[in-house]
Structure formats: C-alpha cells, structure tokens
Protein backbone atom coordinates (compact mmCIF):
# COMPACT_ATOMS: atom_id res chain seq x y z
CA UNK A 1 -7.66 -9.93 23.54
CA UNK A 2 -7.15 -11.37 20.07
CA UNK A 3 -5.38 -14.67 19.48
CA UNK A 4 -2.91 -15.01 16.60
CA UNK A 5 -1.81 -18.56 15.76
CA UNK A 6 1.88 -19.43 15.74
CA UNK A 7 3.15 -22.09 13.30
CA UNK A 8 6.46 -23.77 12.81
CA UNK A 9 8.14 -24.00 9.41
CA UNK A 10 6.81 -27.54 9.09
CA UNK A 11 3.19 -26.36 9.28
CA UNK A 12 2.46 -27.43 12.88
CA UNK A 13 0.59 -25.09 15.19
CA UNK A 14 2.82 -24.60 18.22
CA UNK A 15 1.02 -21.87 20.14
CA UNK A 16 -0.75 -18.54 20.08
CA UNK A 17 0.14 -14.90 20.61
CA UNK A 18 -2.22 -12.53 22.42
CA UNK A 19 -2.83 -9.14 20.86
CA UNK A 20 -4.40 -6.21 22.68
CA UNK A 21 -6.69 -4.34 20.25
CA UNK A 22 -6.16 -1.13 22.22
CA UNK A 23 -2.53 -1.05 21.07
CA UNK A 24 -3.74 -0.82 17.46
CA UNK A 25 -6.50 1.72 17.94
CA UNK A 26 -9.19 -0.55 19.38
CA UNK A 27 -11.63 -0.09 16.48
CA UNK A 28 -11.43 0.07 12.70
CA UNK A 29 -12.58 3.22 10.94
CA UNK A 30 -13.40 2.17 7.39
CA UNK A 31 -13.73 5.73 6.14
CA UNK A 32 -10.25 6.61 7.36
CA UNK A 33 -8.82 3.47 5.73
CA UNK A 34 -10.54 4.40 2.47
CA UNK A 35 -9.19 7.95 2.54
CA UNK A 36 -5.62 6.83 3.19
CA UNK A 37 -5.76 4.10 0.52
CA UNK A 38 -7.01 6.63 -2.05
CA UNK A 39 -4.11 8.91 -1.05
CA UNK A 40 -1.57 6.11 -1.60
CA UNK A 41 -3.08 5.25 -5.00
CA UNK A 42 -3.03 8.90 -6.04
CA UNK A 43 0.60 9.27 -4.95
CA UNK A 44 1.55 6.21 -7.02
CA UNK A 45 -0.22 7.53 -10.09
CA UNK A 46 2.08 8.51 -12.94
CA UNK A 47 0.96 11.75 -14.54
CA UNK A 48 3.53 11.81 -17.35
CA UNK A 49 1.10 12.25 -20.25
CA UNK A 50 1.38 14.99 -22.83
CA UNK A 51 -0.54 15.56 -26.06
CA UNK A 52 0.04 18.39 -28.49
CA UNK A 53 -2.50 21.17 -28.65
CA UNK A 54 -2.93 23.67 -31.48
CA UNK A 55 -0.18 25.79 -29.94
CA UNK A 56 2.29 22.90 -30.16
CA UNK A 57 1.86 21.63 -33.73
CA UNK A 58 3.73 23.05 -36.70
CA UNK A 59 1.91 25.40 -39.04
CA UNK A 60 0.95 28.99 -39.55
CA UNK A 61 -1.68 30.71 -37.50
CA UNK A 62 -2.87 32.67 -40.51
CA UNK A 63 -6.51 32.37 -41.56
CA UNK A 64 -6.67 30.07 -44.58
CA UNK A 65 -8.98 32.28 -46.65
CA UNK A 66 -11.28 35.18 -46.16
CA UNK A 67 -14.45 34.80 -44.15
CA UNK A 68 -16.95 35.44 -46.94
CA UNK A 69 -17.18 35.21 -50.70
CA UNK A 70 -15.44 31.90 -51.38
CA UNK A 71 -18.42 29.59 -51.00
CA UNK A 72 -16.55 27.45 -48.50
CA UNK A 73 -17.23 27.01 -44.85
CA UNK A 74 -15.52 29.59 -42.74
CA UNK A 75 -12.15 28.36 -41.46
CA UNK A 76 -9.42 29.56 -39.20
CA UNK A 77 -5.82 28.37 -39.10
CA UNK A 78 -4.61 24.95 -40.23
CA UNK A 79 -3.60 24.09 -36.67
CA UNK A 80 -7.19 23.71 -35.50
CA UNK A 81 -8.27 20.31 -34.21
CA UNK A 82 -10.83 20.08 -37.05
CA UNK A 83 -8.12 19.49 -39.64
CA UNK A 84 -5.69 16.64 -40.25
CA UNK A 85 -2.37 17.40 -38.57
CA UNK A 86 -3.93 19.91 -36.23
CA UNK A 87 -3.60 19.95 -32.49
CA UNK A 88 -5.77 18.03 -30.07
CA UNK A 89 -8.72 19.70 -28.41
CA UNK A 90 -8.31 19.95 -24.65
CA UNK A 91 -4.75 18.62 -24.84
CA UNK A 92 -3.62 16.64 -21.80
CA UNK A 93 -0.60 17.90 -19.89
CA UNK A 94 1.74 16.49 -17.26
CA UNK A 95 0.05 16.50 -13.89
CA UNK A 96 1.01 15.66 -10.34
CA UNK A 97 -1.83 13.79 -8.62
CA UNK A 98 -0.09 13.38 -5.26
CA UNK A 99 -1.32 14.93 -2.05
CA UNK A 100 -0.78 14.32 1.64
CA UNK A 101 -2.89 13.74 4.73
CA UNK A 102 -2.08 14.51 8.36
CA UNK A 103 0.67 12.24 9.69
CA UNK A 104 -1.39 11.31 12.71
CA UNK A 105 -4.24 10.08 10.49
CA UNK A 106 -1.84 8.04 8.35
CA UNK A 107 -0.23 6.40 11.40
CA UNK A 108 -3.65 5.61 12.84
CA UNK A 109 -4.78 4.06 9.55
CA UNK A 110 -1.75 1.75 9.45
CA UNK A 111 -2.54 0.45 12.93
CA UNK A 112 -6.19 -0.05 12.01
CA UNK A 113 -5.24 -1.97 8.86
CA UNK A 114 -3.06 -4.34 10.89
CA UNK A 115 -5.82 -4.68 13.50
CA UNK A 116 -8.30 -5.66 10.77
CA UNK A 117 -6.01 -8.55 9.78
CA UNK A 118 -5.94 -9.78 13.38
CA UNK A 119 -9.73 -9.49 13.70
CA UNK A 120 -10.43 -11.30 10.40
CA UNK A 121 -8.10 -14.22 11.22
CA UNK A 122 -5.89 -13.29 8.28
CA UNK A 123 -2.67 -12.89 10.28
CA UNK A 124 -0.32 -15.50 11.67
CA UNK A 125 3.17 -15.89 13.08
CA UNK A 126 5.75 -18.35 11.74
CA UNK A 127 8.49 -19.27 14.19
CA UNK A 128 11.93 -19.40 12.62
CA UNK A 129 10.74 -18.17 9.23
CA UNK A 130 13.59 -15.68 9.08
CA UNK A 131 16.21 -18.46 9.03
CA UNK A 132 15.67 -19.87 5.55
CA UNK A 133 19.38 -20.39 5.06
CA UNK A 134 22.56 -18.52 4.29
CA UNK A 135 21.92 -18.71 0.54
CA UNK A 136 18.68 -17.30 -0.93
CA UNK A 137 16.40 -20.14 -2.03
CA UNK A 138 12.89 -19.45 -3.25
CA UNK A 139 11.88 -23.10 -2.99
CA UNK A 140 12.40 -23.00 0.77
CA UNK A 141 9.84 -20.20 1.12
CA UNK A 142 7.42 -22.00 -1.23
CA UNK A 143 7.77 -25.16 0.86
CA UNK A 144 6.87 -23.30 4.05
CA UNK A 145 3.85 -21.59 2.48
CA UNK A 146 2.50 -24.84 1.04
CA UNK A 147 2.61 -26.59 4.42
CA UNK A 148 0.53 -24.02 6.34
CA UNK A 149 -3.24 -23.93 5.97
CA UNK A 150 -5.01 -20.63 5.43
CA UNK A 151 -6.13 -19.38 8.87
CA UNK A 152 -9.49 -17.91 7.79
CA UNK A 153 -11.00 -21.14 6.39
CA UNK A 154 -14.20 -22.48 7.86
CA UNK A 155 -14.34 -26.01 9.24
CA UNK A 156 -16.07 -27.27 6.10
CA UNK A 157 -13.55 -25.60 3.81
CA UNK A 158 -10.60 -26.92 5.82
CA UNK A 159 -11.79 -30.53 5.61
CA UNK A 160 -10.24 -32.30 2.59
CA UNK A 161 -12.54 -34.17 0.22
CA UNK A 162 -12.32 -37.92 -0.46
CA UNK A 163 -10.92 -37.51 -3.98
CA UNK A 164 -9.13 -34.20 -3.53
CA UNK A 165 -6.50 -33.33 -6.12
CA UNK A 166 -3.17 -31.69 -5.40
CA UNK A 167 -4.38 -28.44 -6.96
CA UNK A 168 -7.44 -28.38 -4.67
CA UNK A 169 -5.28 -29.14 -1.64
CA UNK A 170 -2.92 -26.31 -2.54
CA UNK A 171 -5.83 -23.83 -2.59
CA UNK A 172 -6.30 -24.47 1.13
CA UNK A 173 -2.74 -23.38 1.90
CA UNK A 174 -0.99 -20.02 1.96
CA UNK A 175 0.66 -20.87 -1.36
CA UNK A 176 -2.53 -19.86 -3.19
CA UNK A 177 -3.09 -16.46 -1.57
CA UNK A 178 -1.57 -13.01 -1.65
CA UNK A 179 0.77 -12.49 1.29
CA UNK A 180 2.60 -9.69 3.02
CA UNK A 181 5.62 -10.97 4.96
CA UNK A 182 6.79 -8.71 7.76
CA UNK A 183 10.33 -8.80 9.08
CA UNK A 184 11.87 -6.88 12.02
CA UNK A 185 14.45 -5.30 9.70
CA UNK A 186 15.73 -5.69 6.17
CA UNK A 187 16.67 -9.36 5.68
CA UNK A 188 18.54 -9.65 2.35
CA UNK A 189 18.43 -13.45 2.27
CA UNK A 190 14.71 -13.76 2.98
CA UNK A 191 13.95 -10.82 0.73
CA UNK A 192 15.73 -12.40 -2.24
CA UNK A 193 14.07 -15.74 -1.51
CA UNK A 194 10.50 -14.37 -1.54
CA UNK A 195 10.56 -11.44 -3.96
CA UNK A 196 10.16 -13.63 -7.07
CA UNK A 197 6.94 -15.27 -5.87
CA UNK A 198 3.75 -14.01 -7.48
CA UNK A 199 1.42 -12.41 -4.96
CA UNK A 200 4.06 -12.28 -2.21
CA UNK A 201 5.38 -9.00 -0.87
CA UNK A 202 8.02 -8.69 1.84
CA UNK A 203 8.95 -5.60 3.84
CA UNK A 204 10.16 -4.59 7.31
CA UNK A 205 7.38 -3.65 9.73
CA UNK A 206 8.73 -0.10 9.81
CA UNK A 207 7.87 0.25 6.11
CA UNK A 208 4.28 -1.01 6.33
CA UNK A 209 1.63 1.23 4.83
CA UNK A 210 -2.14 0.99 4.78
CA UNK A 211 -2.47 0.10 1.10
CA UNK A 212 0.04 -2.76 1.13
CA UNK A 213 -1.43 -4.27 4.30
CA UNK A 214 -4.99 -4.23 2.96
CA UNK A 215 -4.07 -5.25 -0.59
CA UNK A 216 -2.49 -8.55 0.48
CA UNK A 217 -5.00 -11.00 1.94
CA UNK A 218 -2.72 -12.54 4.57
CA UNK A 219 -0.17 -11.03 6.93
CA UNK A 220 2.73 -13.25 8.01
CA UNK A 221 5.05 -12.11 10.78
CA UNK A 222 8.07 -13.65 12.39
CA UNK A 223 8.28 -13.64 16.19
CA UNK A 224 10.89 -10.90 16.01
CA UNK A 225 8.72 -8.88 13.64
CA UNK A 226 5.72 -9.13 15.97
CA UNK A 227 7.86 -7.96 18.88
CA UNK A 228 9.17 -5.04 16.79
CA UNK A 229 5.62 -4.19 15.74
CA UNK A 230 4.43 -4.13 19.33
CA UNK A 231 7.24 -1.80 20.32
CA UNK A 232 6.54 0.41 17.35
CA UNK A 233 2.83 0.91 18.08
CA UNK A 234 3.63 1.79 21.69
CA UNK A 235 5.74 4.73 20.62
CA UNK A 236 3.64 7.85 20.43
CA UNK A 237 4.56 10.37 17.73
CA UNK A 238 6.61 13.19 19.19
CA UNK A 239 4.82 16.51 19.24
CA UNK A 240 6.48 19.50 17.71
CA UNK A 241 7.89 21.75 20.45
CA UNK A 242 5.94 24.94 20.88
CA UNK A 243 7.68 28.05 19.70
CA UNK A 244 8.95 30.30 22.45
CA UNK A 245 6.80 33.35 22.98
CA UNK A 246 8.36 36.58 21.82
CA UNK A 247 9.22 38.93 24.71
CA UNK A 248 6.94 41.90 25.11
CA UNK A 249 8.51 45.10 23.83
CA UNK A 250 5.87 47.55 24.81
CA UNK A 251 7.22 51.05 25.36
CA UNK A 252 5.48 53.44 27.64
CA UNK A 253 4.69 56.81 26.13
CA UNK A 254 6.01 59.94 27.78
CA UNK A 255 3.46 62.06 29.54
CA UNK A 256 3.45 65.66 28.54
C-alpha cells in the first residue's frame, strides 16, 4: 500500500490516505507512457503550414529561351525555384499529424501516470480545498499553495537555513512548482481562482490524460476527487457486444 499525505488548507498534515497500487495497474510501463505522450503531442501539433511551389506562383510555364545557341545557361520556366519570385522547392503543405492508439492502452497509461505520482511522493490531498469561497479569488489559492511544503523534499532540503530568505523559503513550497489540481467535477469557482496562476492546471479527474499528469510535477487532489478517482479506476471498460452469428442458409441439393 502507498501512503498519500493529507493536508489542511492551513498547511498542517492531518492524516494519510492508503492507495492500493493494484487499482492503478500495479507497475509502471515507461515505454507505454512514452508512446501515449508522443501520441498526445502529435495530436496537439498544428499542421497549418503552406508554402507556394512552382505550380502556385504566378508566371508562364514557357521556356525562357531555346536550349542551345544563346551562350547562356540552359533555363526552363521563370517559376523555377532557382529564380527570384519562383516557387519553393519541396513546398510544405497542410498536414494532419494526429493518430490514435487502442483505448485500452490509453486508459492503462493514465492509471500508470497517476500511480507514478503516488510512488514518487509527488501527490497529496488537501482537505477542504474545493471550498475557496463563493467568489473566485486567486489569492486564496496562492495562500494555500504557499503554506504547504513540497512532499518530495529530502530531510536536508526541507530544513530551513539560519539566514533563509523569503524567496528561498518559497522554493520549498508548492507555490514554486508546476501543479495539476484534480477536482471531482467541474468547479467554476475553483477553476477561475486557479487558472491564472503560472504553472497551475486544474481539471476534473474524468478529464485527466497521461501528458498533463506527467507534465506537471505535483498532483493535488481534494478528498472528493480522490474518492471519484478510486471509483473511476474500478470501472472496467465495457466490451463491445459480439455480433450475432448469421443463421446458416445452406440448401440441400436435389438428388437426381
């Protein structure tokens, strides 16, 4: 079992949550994570690039002058890439870089990415983090992040120095790292409060993907989000019902 620390909004550790690695795949397959991350990056790639080739530029396709007898180098049309105003050689065109992987592999990779955060002590639970107030306030989220120490620090790194500055003290808190905040569902107030912070990303646990989980260094969950995540990983993907077999229509031949 893996232990995930639970903090209050004031930065005090108030308990731990036990996580069963078997619910999230048990082991981490780095090659699968790499393949799924590359797929996400390819799907986000914008292929809207277009340069004009010799077929796209204005100008006649007629040969400028005859092949021999002029003393000049042989030349074709004025639209060649060798001349000013001509088209580009190997012109780039719009391209779709997206592709897909099996859904089962993608779901498995998401669970492994979350499991890696639990194993590396880069995940924690904040009790009551979803109740920042009725009105969106970014400073409330910043205050909470600055009061909680980064969970993956060693004992030497977590010990403050004798003449430590405020900037050095802040580097030991979550306010200096990249964070993915998970909520049980879309929370408009918390979303508006955290979306303006640099390095902070917030999303419901149902919208987690492998790239976003691995890109952000720390994973913060509310108690409700952790409960929703546990229920979600227990659900097995429904298998597609097998098609009904076609009835046999064999006809017996007449004996002569």
